[in-house]
Each structure stands twice: as C-alpha cells, then as structure tokens.
Amino acid sequence: MNAGDPDSPLLGRIVRPADYVRVLATPMRLRSPHFAVHHLEGGPLPLKKPMARTTGATAAAASESDMSLATVVLPLLPEAGADTGRAPVTASLSTELSTGDDGVDLICVDDSRVGVGEYPGGPLDATAAPAFGPQRWLGLVVPKRHAKRAVTRTLVKRQIRHIAAACAPRLAPGLWVVRQRSPFDPKQYPSAASEALKQAARDELLALFERAARGERDKLKPRSTPDGAAPRGRNGKPGKPAKKAAPTAAPEAPPCAT
C-alpha cells in the first residue's frame, strides 16, 4: 500500500491502514482487466497523537525545575523602629481615573454597522481565506503476487498517481483506492519496466479514471439460479423481467489533462 501524489494540491494521501480497510470494504466502483477502483464518501480518520511517557527521572527533573521557579529571593527589610538614616518609603496610589483621549476611535458593539464579511477598515479579501486542504484522497494497493519485481510496482504506482492527479478536479470528493487485481502477461511484457508496459498501464488507467470522472459505476451481476431457472417472486411464481431503461446520452466532459 502506498499513498497518493504528494505534489498534487487537490489530491491527498491515505495514510492509516484503517482507512484502507474502510474503502476496500465497499463494492468495486469500477474495474478493468488489471485494476479496480473503490470509492468512499467522506474523509480519512483523524490521526491520534501519541501521549508522551513520563519516567521517574523525568518526573524528578520536572519537580526540581518547578521548585526552582517557585523559589523567590526577597530583599531583607529593616525591622520596625530601626534607625536607617533614610526617610521612610511610603507608597502613594493615585485615586484619579485616566479618562484622557488616547486618539483611538472605538466602536461600540450596539452602534456598529459592520456587515457580514466586512470590517471597519474595509471589506475582507476572499483570497486571504485559509485553504481547507484537499477534498480527495488516494491510496494505492499493488500486491507482490501481481507484480513480483519492485521496479514493476514502482512503475504502476507512478502511473496511478499521475493519472489520478490529472483527473482529480473532476473526481467526486472522498477516499479513492486503486488496486491491481491481476498481473500483466509476462509473455507480452517480458521486461519489468519497459516502455510498452508503461504505456499499457497508462492507457488502461486513463480510461478507468475517465469513467470515474463521469460518475459511472459497474453494474452488479444478477444472482444466478440453479439449472438456469428464472427468478421467482414472493408467491413462487416466475417474476417479470425488469424493464430496460432507455439509454440517455451523458454530456461530454473534457478529458483529463495528462
């Protein structure tokens, strides 16, 4: 398993194994001869920060530092009635309030007329709003049983990241996991990292992500009945075949920029 493209600002990375389990538990959304795509709406689970362990030596050092900070050295004060030759120091506090004008114009809450998205100095700049991060996260699963050579796994992962980053603006938000479901034929691609293997994986992934960007889903196969019998209804009678919906032409979208 590996994460998505770190250089894409629109595509985050799936890091936690628990997120992989969540996404792979969903049915396959799309599949091709060598790859499968899973999608789950939502975001990744929050990362848990490990708590710092406190040992005996650390606790003793912390207590000593607290005691040293708490110790305050006070100057020696003369006793009452002692003759020091100096005039006694008496503290005088002013009973007058500072009500002078400091030159700052204050606006009362009840008298303010600041609208939403504005402040007294002018309207807020929308471009200065903080970014909320990516809304799509990618995870990769390329098992060794389908790609025995490490160079082949690296090649496949790079192609998945590249195509997914190019199609990221058109993908639905959520968690996306692409896994390799079957190996490439070694007789057709004898080299572990040939240009032909790279182009074949690239073309297959591009077609797969084009379908994902259009919102397509693979249809599930109906349940098979014994001896090829027709499925029956609640009363044991043969059910009516489902009506086929008229095909609708989907609007053409621009292809992914690769």
Protein backbone atom coordinates (compact mmCIF):
# COMPACT_ATOMS: atom_id res chain seq x y z
CA MET A 1 0.00 0.00 0.00
CA ASN A 2 1.14 3.46 -0.75
CA ALA A 3 -0.24 6.97 -0.73
CA GLY A 4 -1.17 9.44 -3.41
CA ASP A 5 0.73 12.11 -5.22
CA PRO A 6 2.46 14.40 -2.67
CA ASP A 7 2.87 17.15 -5.30
CA SER A 8 -0.84 17.47 -6.13
CA PRO A 9 -2.65 20.17 -4.09
CA LEU A 10 -6.06 18.66 -4.94
CA LEU A 11 -5.23 15.07 -4.02
CA GLY A 12 -4.28 13.99 -0.52
CA ARG A 13 -2.79 10.72 0.66
CA ILE A 14 -4.40 7.88 2.57
CA VAL A 15 -2.03 7.03 5.40
CA ARG A 16 -3.85 4.96 8.01
CA PRO A 17 -4.48 1.23 7.41
CA ALA A 18 -7.94 1.68 8.95
CA ASP A 19 -8.88 3.96 6.05
CA TYR A 20 -7.77 1.31 3.56
CA VAL A 21 -9.97 -1.23 5.34
CA ARG A 22 -12.95 1.12 5.20
CA VAL A 23 -12.59 1.80 1.49
CA LEU A 24 -11.82 -1.76 0.41
CA ALA A 25 -14.88 -2.99 2.32
CA THR A 26 -17.08 -1.15 -0.20
CA PRO A 27 -18.04 -2.82 -3.51
CA MET A 28 -15.89 -2.10 -6.50
CA ARG A 29 -17.00 1.04 -8.26
CA LEU A 30 -15.12 0.41 -11.49
CA ARG A 31 -12.83 -2.27 -12.81
CA SER A 32 -10.67 -3.02 -15.80
CA PRO A 33 -8.71 -6.12 -16.80
CA HIS A 34 -5.87 -5.26 -14.39
CA PHE A 35 -7.20 -2.62 -11.96
CA ALA A 36 -10.14 -1.96 -9.64
CA VAL A 37 -11.33 1.32 -8.15
CA HIS A 38 -13.05 1.69 -4.77
CA HIS A 39 -14.62 4.92 -3.54
CA LEU A 40 -15.96 6.00 -0.16
CA GLU A 41 -17.55 9.35 0.60
CA GLY A 42 -16.13 11.33 3.50
CA GLY A 43 -12.62 11.94 4.73
CA PRO A 44 -9.85 9.99 6.45
CA LEU A 45 -9.94 9.19 10.12
CA PRO A 46 -8.19 11.70 12.39
CA LEU A 47 -4.66 10.85 13.39
CA LYS A 48 -4.16 10.08 17.07
CA LYS A 49 -1.24 11.86 18.68
CA PRO A 50 0.83 9.55 20.94
CA MET A 51 0.95 10.62 24.58
CA ALA A 52 4.40 11.35 25.99
CA ARG A 53 5.52 8.84 28.60
CA THR A 54 6.93 10.26 31.85
CA THR A 55 9.72 8.26 33.50
CA GLY A 56 10.93 8.57 37.10
CA ALA A 57 13.98 10.65 36.17
CA THR A 58 11.87 12.97 34.00
CA ALA A 59 9.36 13.50 36.80
CA ALA A 60 12.13 14.26 39.33
CA ALA A 61 13.74 16.78 36.98
CA ALA A 62 10.38 18.43 36.37
CA SER A 63 9.67 18.72 40.09
CA GLU A 64 13.11 20.27 40.75
CA SER A 65 12.59 22.83 37.99
CA ASP A 66 9.17 23.72 39.41
CA MET A 67 10.69 24.24 42.88
CA SER A 68 13.47 26.42 41.47
CA LEU A 69 10.93 28.57 39.65
CA ALA A 70 8.73 28.79 42.71
CA THR A 71 11.63 29.95 44.92
CA VAL A 72 11.76 33.75 45.02
CA VAL A 73 14.59 35.61 46.77
CA LEU A 74 13.20 38.56 48.71
CA PRO A 75 15.40 41.51 49.85
CA LEU A 76 15.98 41.95 53.57
CA LEU A 77 13.68 44.60 55.00
CA PRO A 78 14.70 46.64 58.05
CA GLU A 79 12.95 45.91 61.30
CA ALA A 80 10.32 48.22 62.64
CA GLY A 81 11.76 51.15 64.65
CA ALA A 82 15.29 50.72 63.32
CA ASP A 83 17.20 53.91 62.59
CA THR A 84 18.48 53.71 58.98
CA GLY A 85 19.07 57.44 58.42
CA ARG A 86 16.72 57.50 55.44
CA ALA A 87 13.22 58.77 55.04
CA PRO A 88 10.60 56.07 55.19
CA VAL A 89 9.26 54.98 51.84
CA THR A 90 5.51 55.19 51.60
CA ALA A 91 3.52 54.01 48.62
CA SER A 92 1.08 56.52 47.24
CA LEU A 93 -1.69 55.41 44.91
CA SER A 94 -3.50 57.79 42.61
CA THR A 95 -7.24 57.93 43.15
CA GLU A 96 -7.90 59.66 39.82
CA LEU A 97 -9.11 57.74 36.79
CA SER A 98 -7.35 58.04 33.45
CA THR A 99 -10.03 59.42 31.17
CA GLY A 100 -7.81 61.18 28.68
CA ASP A 101 -8.26 60.85 24.94
CA ASP A 102 -5.73 58.37 23.54
CA GLY A 103 -6.62 59.15 19.96
CA VAL A 104 -8.16 55.73 19.19
CA ASP A 105 -11.68 55.65 17.78
CA LEU A 106 -13.64 52.88 19.44
CA ILE A 107 -16.85 51.44 18.02
CA CYS A 108 -19.47 50.16 20.41
CA VAL A 109 -20.98 46.80 19.70
CA ASP A 110 -24.56 48.08 19.69
CA ASP A 111 -23.73 51.08 17.50
CA SER A 112 -21.64 49.23 14.94
CA ARG A 113 -22.95 48.71 11.45
CA VAL A 114 -20.41 46.15 10.26
CA GLY A 115 -21.95 43.70 7.84
CA VAL A 116 -21.08 40.09 7.26
CA GLY A 117 -17.73 39.78 5.52
CA GLU A 118 -16.69 43.36 6.34
CA TYR A 119 -14.67 45.13 8.97
CA PRO A 120 -14.26 48.84 9.83
CA GLY A 121 -11.18 49.14 7.64
CA GLY A 122 -12.91 47.81 4.52
CA PRO A 123 -14.26 44.56 3.05
CA LEU A 124 -12.50 41.32 3.72
CA ASP A 125 -10.40 39.87 0.95
CA ALA A 126 -11.80 36.50 -0.11
CA THR A 127 -8.43 35.40 -1.43
CA ALA A 128 -6.93 35.72 2.05
CA ALA A 129 -9.17 32.97 3.45
CA PRO A 130 -7.21 29.95 4.65
CA ALA A 131 -7.24 26.84 2.49
CA PHE A 132 -9.08 23.85 3.89
CA GLY A 133 -6.89 21.24 2.22
CA PRO A 134 -7.77 18.58 -0.35
CA GLN A 135 -11.21 17.04 -0.61
CA ARG A 136 -9.99 13.86 -2.31
CA TRP A 137 -7.54 11.28 -1.01
CA LEU A 138 -5.81 8.50 -2.94
CA GLY A 139 -4.50 5.14 -1.82
CA LEU A 140 -2.62 2.51 -3.84
CA VAL A 141 -2.59 -1.27 -3.45
CA VAL A 142 -0.11 -3.09 -5.71
CA PRO A 143 0.49 -6.57 -4.24
CA LYS A 144 3.61 -8.56 -4.89
CA ARG A 145 1.67 -11.52 -6.24
CA HIS A 146 0.63 -9.38 -9.24
CA ALA A 147 3.94 -7.52 -9.65
CA LYS A 148 6.87 -9.53 -8.36
CA ARG A 149 9.57 -7.06 -9.34
CA ALA A 150 9.93 -3.88 -7.27
CA VAL A 151 10.63 -1.87 -10.42
CA THR A 152 7.30 -3.00 -11.87
CA ARG A 153 5.41 -2.00 -8.73
CA THR A 154 7.08 1.41 -8.80
CA LEU A 155 6.14 1.88 -12.45
CA VAL A 156 2.48 1.00 -11.80
CA LYS A 157 2.26 3.28 -8.76
CA ARG A 158 3.71 6.22 -10.66
CA GLN A 159 1.16 5.80 -13.44
CA ILE A 160 -1.72 5.63 -10.95
CA ARG A 161 -0.55 8.80 -9.19
CA HIS A 162 -0.03 10.67 -12.46
CA ILE A 163 -3.45 9.81 -13.94
CA ALA A 164 -5.30 10.35 -10.64
CA ALA A 165 -3.71 13.78 -10.16
CA ALA A 166 -4.67 14.78 -13.71
CA CYS A 167 -8.31 13.74 -13.16
CA ALA A 168 -8.57 14.97 -9.55
CA PRO A 169 -10.56 18.17 -10.30
CA ARG A 170 -13.33 16.07 -11.88
CA LEU A 171 -13.45 13.27 -9.32
CA ALA A 172 -16.10 13.15 -6.61
CA PRO A 173 -14.88 14.09 -3.13
CA GLY A 174 -13.95 11.25 -0.81
CA LEU A 175 -11.48 8.41 -0.44
CA TRP A 176 -10.26 6.67 -3.59
CA VAL A 177 -8.28 3.43 -3.60
CA VAL A 178 -6.86 1.87 -6.77
CA ARG A 179 -5.65 -1.71 -6.53
CA GLN A 180 -4.10 -4.00 -9.06
CA ARG A 181 -6.31 -7.07 -9.40
CA SER A 182 -4.38 -9.14 -11.93
CA PRO A 183 -0.82 -9.25 -13.28
CA PHE A 184 0.26 -8.17 -16.72
CA ASP A 185 1.15 -11.04 -19.04
CA PRO A 186 4.92 -11.61 -18.73
CA LYS A 187 5.00 -13.17 -22.20
CA GLN A 188 3.62 -9.96 -23.70
CA TYR A 189 5.72 -7.72 -21.44
CA PRO A 190 8.92 -9.64 -20.63
CA SER A 191 10.74 -6.57 -19.35
CA ALA A 192 9.94 -5.48 -15.80
CA ALA A 193 9.84 -1.78 -16.69
CA SER A 194 9.52 -1.49 -20.44
CA GLU A 195 8.01 1.45 -22.29
CA ALA A 196 5.31 -0.86 -23.66
CA LEU A 197 4.27 -1.88 -20.14
CA LYS A 198 4.22 1.76 -19.04
CA GLN A 199 2.03 2.81 -21.97
CA ALA A 200 -0.36 -0.12 -21.48
CA ALA A 201 -0.86 0.66 -17.79
CA ARG A 202 -1.22 4.36 -18.58
CA ASP A 203 -3.90 3.85 -21.24
CA GLU A 204 -5.88 1.45 -19.08
CA LEU A 205 -5.79 3.74 -16.06
CA LEU A 206 -6.71 6.79 -18.12
CA ALA A 207 -9.80 5.04 -19.48
CA LEU A 208 -10.70 3.90 -15.96
CA PHE A 209 -10.41 7.37 -14.42
CA GLU A 210 -12.29 8.94 -17.32
CA ARG A 211 -15.24 6.73 -16.40
CA ALA A 212 -14.82 7.60 -12.71
CA ALA A 213 -14.81 11.31 -13.54
CA ARG A 214 -18.10 10.88 -15.42
CA GLY A 215 -19.63 9.24 -12.37
CA GLU A 216 -20.04 5.80 -13.92
CA ARG A 217 -20.39 2.59 -11.94
CA ASP A 218 -20.08 -1.02 -12.97
CA LYS A 219 -23.36 -2.90 -12.88
CA LEU A 220 -23.57 -5.80 -10.46
CA LYS A 221 -24.27 -9.21 -11.94
CA PRO A 222 -27.70 -10.69 -11.01
CA ARG A 223 -27.80 -13.70 -8.75
CA SER A 224 -27.60 -16.97 -10.62
CA THR A 225 -30.40 -19.54 -10.02
CA PRO A 226 -29.94 -23.36 -10.16
CA ASP A 227 -30.41 -25.03 -13.56
CA GLY A 228 -30.83 -21.66 -15.20
CA ALA A 229 -34.36 -21.19 -13.83
CA ALA A 230 -35.93 -17.78 -13.88
CA PRO A 231 -36.03 -15.94 -10.53
CA ARG A 232 -39.33 -16.34 -8.71
CA GLY A 233 -41.42 -13.81 -6.82
CA ARG A 234 -42.88 -13.93 -3.31
CA ASN A 235 -45.73 -16.28 -4.27
CA GLY A 236 -43.43 -18.74 -6.00
CA LYS A 237 -44.46 -17.57 -9.47
CA PRO A 238 -41.89 -16.59 -12.04
CA GLY A 239 -41.12 -12.93 -11.74
CA LYS A 240 -41.43 -10.48 -14.57
CA PRO A 241 -38.25 -9.39 -16.28
CA ALA A 242 -37.11 -5.94 -15.35
CA LYS A 243 -37.77 -3.21 -17.87
CA LYS A 244 -34.72 -1.81 -19.56
CA ALA A 245 -34.28 1.91 -19.13
CA ALA A 246 -33.82 3.97 -22.24
CA PRO A 247 -30.16 4.96 -22.65
CA THR A 248 -29.51 8.62 -22.02
CA ALA A 249 -26.67 10.44 -23.66
CA ALA A 250 -24.31 11.78 -20.98
CA PRO A 251 -22.84 15.23 -21.57
CA GLU A 252 -19.31 15.08 -22.81
CA ALA A 253 -16.70 16.30 -20.35
CA PRO A 254 -13.20 17.48 -21.18
CA PRO A 255 -10.64 14.68 -20.95
CA CYS A 256 -8.15 14.52 -18.12
CA ALA A 257 -5.08 16.61 -18.82
CA THR A 258 -2.13 14.24 -18.91
